[in-house]
Amino acid sequence: MVDEVCANFPGLIPVVKGNGYGFGRGWLTHEAIALGAQEVAIGTVFEQADVVAQPVTPIVLTPSLDLDSVRVASHVVLTVASQAQLEHLLAHRPASTVVVKVMTSTRRHGFAPDEVAGAVDRLRNGGATVHSASIHPGLSESMSARRSEVEALLPSVPADIAVSVSHLDAEQYAALRAAQPARNFSIRLGSALWHQDKRTLLLRATVLEVRPARTGERVGYRASEVPGDGSLLIVDAGTAHGVMPLTNGDSPFHFAQRRLPLVEAPHMHVSMVFVPAGDPTPAPGDEVDVQRPLISTQPDRIAWH
C-alpha cells in the first residue's frame, strides 16, 4: 500500500513529524529512505535529533523563533511564515535554506499573497536560499476545492520557486501538475502515506499480572473501589505511551470484544483494569487491544505479523 502511494505521488516528501505516526521518527525516516526519499518533513527544530544523522534532508514544517538558542544542523531546511520569523532567521541563521509559507484559508501560518515575493527577495538578499513555497490547504473542503485554493494562490509565488502542497489526493494532485506543467511541485504526505490502510495496524498491550478481586475492595494508588467480583489486570501501557481514557471517559482497553473498565487512571507505564466474573479473562502474557490514535502513542516495540 505504501509503495502504491509513492507511485501515485511524484515529488513525494514523506512526513515523519511528531511521534512518527506511532512508529517513531527515526524508524520512519529509515523507512522513507528505503522508499527512495531524499527529503523528509519534521514538525519542529526540536525534532531533528532522530533524523539529521540519516542520509536525508529534513524540512522543518513549523516556523521557529528559537534559532538563537537551538543548534540546527546545516542541512536542515527551515520555514518562515511571517516578517518577524524571517528577520529572526536572518539575524541568527542567515545562510539557511528556507521554505516560504503562503497563507491559506486555515489562517494558521503564512505570508499574505501580496507579501510572498517581497519575503523571497528579502531572504535572498539576506543570504538565504529559498527551497520552495508551501501551500497548505485545510481539510474541511472537498479535494477539488483544495486544488482550486492552491491554484488561486500560485500566482503569488515567483515562477522560479518550487511549490510544495499537501492534503490533495492522487487525482487532484495529478490535475494540478497537468494544469501547471512549468511548475516544479512536491507534496507532503503523512497520514495518507503511513496510515492508508489502518486494518493492518493494531495497538496492543501485554497483561503482566492477573489477580482476583471482590466487590468493594480498595486497590491502586488512589485506593479505588473494585466495582464487582472479578479479576484485576495489570497491563504494560500507560501515560508514557500516550494511553489515557477516551474523550468520553471510557477505558481504551478491550479483550474478546469487551471493553475492560479502568479501575483508576493509567499510570506512567502500567494501567489497572477490571474484568467482571464470568467474562473472558486473559492470562499473564496475553495481549489486550488498545483504542488510541497512533499519532499520539509511543509504542515500546513494533512487530510485524
Protein backbone atom coordinates (compact mmCIF):
# COMPACT_ATOMS: atom_id res chain seq x y z
CA MET A 1 0.00 0.00 0.00
CA VAL A 2 2.84 2.43 0.83
CA ASP A 3 4.54 1.60 -2.48
CA GLU A 4 1.27 2.36 -4.30
CA VAL A 5 1.03 5.78 -2.65
CA CYS A 6 4.63 6.56 -3.62
CA ALA A 7 3.92 5.63 -7.23
CA ASN A 8 0.84 7.88 -7.35
CA PHE A 9 2.52 10.99 -5.95
CA PRO A 10 5.58 12.20 -7.91
CA GLY A 11 7.70 14.52 -5.79
CA LEU A 12 6.54 12.90 -2.56
CA ILE A 13 8.05 14.22 0.68
CA PRO A 14 7.24 11.75 3.49
CA VAL A 15 6.20 13.41 6.75
CA VAL A 16 7.76 11.82 9.85
CA LYS A 17 6.86 14.53 12.38
CA GLY A 18 5.68 14.24 15.96
CA ASN A 19 5.77 10.69 17.27
CA GLY A 20 6.42 9.37 13.76
CA TYR A 21 2.76 8.38 13.35
CA GLY A 22 3.17 5.76 16.07
CA PHE A 23 6.36 4.27 14.60
CA GLY A 24 8.93 6.79 15.85
CA ARG A 25 10.68 9.47 13.79
CA GLY A 26 13.98 7.61 13.48
CA TRP A 27 12.44 4.33 12.34
CA LEU A 28 10.05 6.08 9.96
CA THR A 29 12.88 8.14 8.45
CA HIS A 30 14.77 4.91 7.75
CA GLU A 31 11.67 3.54 6.01
CA ALA A 32 11.25 6.73 3.99
CA ILE A 33 14.84 6.47 2.77
CA ALA A 34 14.21 2.85 1.78
CA LEU A 35 11.33 4.14 -0.35
CA GLY A 36 13.74 6.47 -2.15
CA ALA A 37 13.03 9.71 -0.29
CA GLN A 38 15.76 12.34 -0.31
CA GLU A 39 13.79 14.71 1.90
CA VAL A 40 11.52 14.16 4.89
CA ALA A 41 9.35 16.64 6.79
CA ILE A 42 9.60 17.01 10.55
CA GLY A 43 7.45 19.11 12.84
CA THR A 44 9.81 21.47 14.65
CA VAL A 45 13.51 22.27 15.08
CA PHE A 46 13.35 20.21 18.27
CA GLU A 47 12.62 17.04 16.28
CA GLN A 48 15.93 16.94 14.38
CA ALA A 49 17.80 14.51 16.62
CA ASP A 50 16.32 11.31 15.21
CA VAL A 51 16.67 12.47 11.60
CA VAL A 52 19.83 14.54 11.00
CA ALA A 53 22.24 11.59 11.23
CA GLN A 54 20.48 9.77 8.39
CA PRO A 55 21.24 10.41 4.68
CA VAL A 56 18.21 12.60 4.03
CA THR A 57 17.37 16.33 4.15
CA PRO A 58 14.97 17.28 6.98
CA ILE A 59 12.44 20.02 6.23
CA VAL A 60 11.02 21.70 9.34
CA LEU A 61 7.32 22.43 8.84
CA THR A 62 6.71 24.72 11.81
CA PRO A 63 8.38 28.16 11.88
CA SER A 64 10.69 28.88 14.80
CA LEU A 65 11.66 31.85 16.94
CA ASP A 66 14.25 29.77 18.82
CA LEU A 67 17.10 29.90 16.32
CA ASP A 68 19.19 31.94 18.74
CA SER A 69 19.18 29.11 21.30
CA VAL A 70 18.75 25.84 19.37
CA ARG A 71 21.57 24.28 17.39
CA VAL A 72 20.29 23.43 13.93
CA ALA A 73 22.25 21.15 11.60
CA SER A 74 23.47 22.95 8.50
CA HIS A 75 21.49 20.79 6.06
CA VAL A 76 18.13 21.27 7.82
CA VAL A 77 15.62 23.30 5.79
CA LEU A 78 13.72 25.85 7.88
CA THR A 79 10.32 27.50 7.34
CA VAL A 80 9.29 31.14 7.70
CA ALA A 81 5.71 32.38 7.67
CA SER A 82 5.86 35.96 8.95
CA GLN A 83 8.08 39.01 8.78
CA ALA A 84 9.15 38.52 12.41
CA GLN A 85 10.18 34.91 11.76
CA LEU A 86 12.04 35.95 8.61
CA GLU A 87 14.04 38.65 10.40
CA HIS A 88 14.77 36.28 13.28
CA LEU A 89 16.14 33.71 10.84
CA LEU A 90 18.31 36.25 9.02
CA ALA A 91 19.66 37.52 12.34
CA HIS A 92 20.67 34.08 13.61
CA ARG A 93 20.93 31.71 10.61
CA PRO A 94 21.24 33.91 7.51
CA ALA A 95 22.77 31.19 5.31
CA SER A 96 19.84 28.81 5.80
CA THR A 97 17.80 27.07 3.13
CA VAL A 98 14.22 28.18 3.67
CA VAL A 99 10.61 27.32 2.81
CA VAL A 100 8.29 30.32 2.50
CA LYS A 101 4.81 29.50 3.71
CA VAL A 102 1.81 31.07 1.96
CA MET A 103 -1.30 31.94 3.96
CA THR A 104 -4.32 29.77 3.10
CA SER A 105 -7.90 29.63 4.38
CA THR A 106 -6.62 27.85 7.52
CA ARG A 107 -5.27 31.24 8.69
CA ARG A 108 -2.62 29.40 10.69
CA HIS A 109 0.80 30.30 9.26
CA GLY A 110 1.85 32.18 6.18
CA PHE A 111 2.59 35.36 4.30
CA ALA A 112 -0.34 37.04 2.59
CA PRO A 113 -0.18 36.52 -1.18
CA ASP A 114 0.99 40.08 -1.80
CA GLU A 115 3.83 39.61 0.70
CA VAL A 116 5.34 36.42 -0.74
CA ALA A 117 7.53 37.95 -3.46
CA GLY A 118 8.91 40.51 -1.01
CA ALA A 119 9.72 37.80 1.51
CA VAL A 120 11.57 35.82 -1.17
CA ASP A 121 13.61 38.88 -2.15
CA ARG A 122 14.40 39.72 1.48
CA LEU A 123 15.62 36.18 2.15
CA ARG A 124 17.78 36.07 -0.95
CA ASN A 125 19.26 39.49 -0.29
CA GLY A 126 19.97 38.42 3.29
CA GLY A 127 21.99 35.38 2.21
CA ALA A 128 19.38 32.64 2.47
CA THR A 129 18.47 30.11 -0.21
CA VAL A 130 14.76 29.69 -0.95
CA HIS A 131 13.95 25.99 -1.16
CA SER A 132 10.26 26.28 -2.05
CA ALA A 133 6.94 27.86 -1.21
CA SER A 134 4.47 25.87 0.87
CA ILE A 135 0.72 25.98 0.31
CA HIS A 136 -1.19 24.02 2.95
CA PRO A 137 -4.98 23.95 2.41
CA GLY A 138 -7.33 22.86 5.17
CA LEU A 139 -9.34 19.66 5.47
CA SER A 140 -12.91 20.94 5.56
CA GLU A 141 -13.31 21.46 1.81
CA SER A 142 -13.59 18.88 -0.97
CA MET A 143 -10.47 17.72 -2.77
CA SER A 144 -11.34 19.78 -5.83
CA ALA A 145 -11.88 22.88 -3.68
CA ARG A 146 -8.48 22.35 -2.07
CA ARG A 147 -6.85 22.18 -5.50
CA SER A 148 -8.71 25.34 -6.52
CA GLU A 149 -7.34 27.15 -3.48
CA VAL A 150 -3.80 26.09 -4.34
CA GLU A 151 -4.25 27.25 -7.93
CA ALA A 152 -5.64 30.59 -6.77
CA LEU A 153 -2.52 31.19 -4.65
CA LEU A 154 0.05 30.07 -7.24
CA PRO A 155 0.34 33.47 -8.96
CA SER A 156 1.72 34.91 -5.71
CA VAL A 157 4.73 32.59 -5.88
CA PRO A 158 7.58 33.64 -8.19
CA ALA A 159 7.77 31.32 -11.18
CA ASP A 160 11.30 30.11 -10.42
CA ILE A 161 10.34 28.73 -6.98
CA ALA A 162 9.17 25.16 -6.44
CA VAL A 163 5.80 24.71 -4.72
CA SER A 164 5.07 22.16 -2.01
CA VAL A 165 1.44 21.24 -1.34
CA SER A 166 -0.50 18.88 0.93
CA HIS A 167 -3.97 17.45 1.58
CA LEU A 168 -4.62 16.52 -2.06
CA ASP A 169 -5.49 13.05 -3.33
CA ALA A 170 -3.71 11.49 -6.30
CA GLU A 171 -6.37 12.64 -8.80
CA GLN A 172 -6.32 16.29 -7.76
CA TYR A 173 -2.53 16.36 -7.43
CA ALA A 174 -2.21 14.99 -10.96
CA ALA A 175 -4.69 17.60 -12.22
CA LEU A 176 -2.73 20.36 -10.51
CA ARG A 177 0.52 19.23 -12.12
CA ALA A 178 -1.11 18.86 -15.54
CA ALA A 179 -2.60 22.36 -15.37
CA GLN A 180 0.74 23.89 -14.35
CA PRO A 181 3.39 21.98 -16.34
CA ALA A 182 6.03 24.67 -15.88
CA ARG A 183 5.84 24.46 -12.09
CA ASN A 184 8.02 22.15 -10.00
CA PHE A 185 5.65 20.56 -7.48
CA SER A 186 6.18 18.34 -4.46
CA ILE A 187 3.63 17.00 -2.00
CA ARG A 188 3.96 16.30 1.72
CA LEU A 189 2.12 13.20 2.95
CA GLY A 190 1.92 11.73 6.43
CA SER A 191 -1.34 10.04 7.39
CA ALA A 192 -2.20 9.23 3.77
CA LEU A 193 1.16 7.51 3.39
CA TRP A 194 1.72 5.69 6.68
CA HIS A 195 -1.91 5.10 7.76
CA GLN A 196 -3.50 4.44 4.39
CA ASP A 197 -4.94 1.06 5.45
CA LYS A 198 -5.40 1.05 9.22
CA ARG A 199 -6.72 -2.52 9.16
CA THR A 200 -3.09 -3.63 9.18
CA LEU A 201 -2.20 -1.53 12.24
CA LEU A 202 -3.07 -2.67 15.76
CA LEU A 203 -2.14 -1.30 19.17
CA ARG A 204 -1.83 -3.90 21.90
CA ALA A 205 -0.62 -4.13 25.47
CA THR A 206 0.62 -7.18 27.38
CA VAL A 207 -1.06 -8.43 30.56
CA LEU A 208 1.61 -8.55 33.28
CA GLU A 209 -0.50 -9.80 36.19
CA VAL A 210 -3.99 -11.16 36.90
CA ARG A 211 -5.32 -11.00 40.46
CA PRO A 212 -8.72 -11.98 41.92
CA ALA A 213 -10.79 -9.11 43.33
CA ARG A 214 -14.03 -8.74 45.26
CA THR A 215 -16.70 -6.07 45.36
CA GLY A 216 -15.74 -3.06 47.47
CA GLU A 217 -12.04 -3.86 47.84
CA ARG A 218 -9.75 -0.83 47.76
CA VAL A 219 -6.88 -1.08 45.28
CA GLY A 220 -4.37 1.01 43.41
CA TYR A 221 -2.52 4.22 44.25
CA ARG A 222 -5.77 6.04 44.89
CA ALA A 223 -7.47 3.26 46.86
CA SER A 224 -10.16 2.96 44.21
CA GLU A 225 -13.14 0.70 44.91
CA VAL A 226 -13.41 -2.51 42.90
CA PRO A 227 -16.82 -2.36 41.14
CA GLY A 228 -17.65 -6.07 41.50
CA ASP A 229 -16.32 -9.60 41.80
CA GLY A 230 -13.84 -10.50 39.10
CA SER A 231 -10.18 -10.00 38.21
CA LEU A 232 -7.75 -7.11 38.22
CA LEU A 233 -5.37 -6.93 35.27
CA ILE A 234 -2.10 -5.01 35.23
CA VAL A 235 -1.22 -4.17 31.61
CA ASP A 236 2.06 -2.69 30.41
CA ALA A 237 0.77 0.54 28.85
CA GLY A 238 0.30 3.93 30.46
CA THR A 239 0.65 7.66 30.06
CA ALA A 240 4.28 7.39 28.89
CA HIS A 241 2.91 5.54 25.88
CA GLY A 242 0.16 8.09 25.28
CA VAL A 243 -2.50 5.85 26.84
CA MET A 244 -5.32 7.61 28.65
CA PRO A 245 -9.11 7.41 28.94
CA LEU A 246 -11.10 8.21 25.81
CA THR A 247 -12.68 11.64 25.49
CA ASN A 248 -15.94 10.32 26.98
CA GLY A 249 -14.08 8.80 29.95
CA ASP A 250 -14.25 5.18 28.74
CA SER A 251 -11.33 2.80 29.04
CA PRO A 252 -9.24 2.33 25.88
CA PHE A 253 -8.62 -1.38 26.64
CA HIS A 254 -10.54 -4.29 25.07
CA PHE A 255 -10.36 -8.08 25.24
CA ALA A 256 -12.59 -10.59 23.42
CA GLN A 257 -14.62 -7.64 22.02
CA ARG A 258 -15.45 -6.43 25.52
CA ARG A 259 -14.30 -3.12 26.99
CA LEU A 260 -12.15 -3.52 30.12
CA PRO A 261 -13.04 -0.74 32.62
CA LEU A 262 -10.19 1.20 34.19
CA VAL A 263 -10.00 0.85 37.96
CA GLU A 264 -8.11 4.14 38.17
CA ALA A 265 -6.44 6.48 35.70
CA PRO A 266 -3.44 4.97 33.84
CA HIS A 267 -0.03 5.40 35.45
CA MET A 268 3.17 6.14 33.60
CA HIS A 269 3.94 2.62 32.37
CA VAL A 270 1.05 0.44 33.52
CA SER A 271 -2.72 0.55 33.82
CA MET A 272 -5.08 -1.37 36.12
CA VAL A 273 -8.28 -2.67 34.55
CA PHE A 274 -11.17 -4.85 35.73
CA VAL A 275 -12.76 -7.96 34.24
CA PRO A 276 -16.15 -8.91 35.75
CA ALA A 277 -16.57 -12.51 36.92
CA GLY A 278 -17.81 -14.71 34.08
CA ASP A 279 -16.30 -12.58 31.30
CA PRO A 280 -13.35 -13.88 29.21
CA THR A 281 -10.21 -13.20 31.21
CA PRO A 282 -6.74 -13.01 29.63
CA ALA A 283 -3.81 -14.77 31.27
CA PRO A 284 -0.43 -13.22 32.06
CA GLY A 285 1.40 -12.81 28.75
CA ASP A 286 -1.78 -12.41 26.70
CA GLU A 287 -2.38 -9.18 24.81
CA VAL A 288 -5.32 -6.79 25.01
CA ASP A 289 -6.32 -4.26 22.35
CA VAL A 290 -5.71 -0.55 22.94
CA GLN A 291 -8.03 2.05 21.42
CA ARG A 292 -5.85 5.14 20.95
CA PRO A 293 -4.85 7.30 17.94
CA LEU A 294 -1.50 6.24 16.52
CA ILE A 295 -0.45 9.89 16.18
CA SER A 296 -0.45 10.24 19.98
CA THR A 297 1.04 6.92 21.08
CA GLN A 298 4.61 5.82 21.78
CA PRO A 299 4.84 2.04 21.44
CA ASP A 300 7.73 0.20 23.08
CA ARG A 301 8.17 -2.07 20.07
CA ILE A 302 6.88 -2.66 16.56
CA ALA A 303 6.06 -6.20 15.48
CA TRP A 304 5.06 -7.33 12.01
CA HIS A 305 2.81 -10.36 11.55
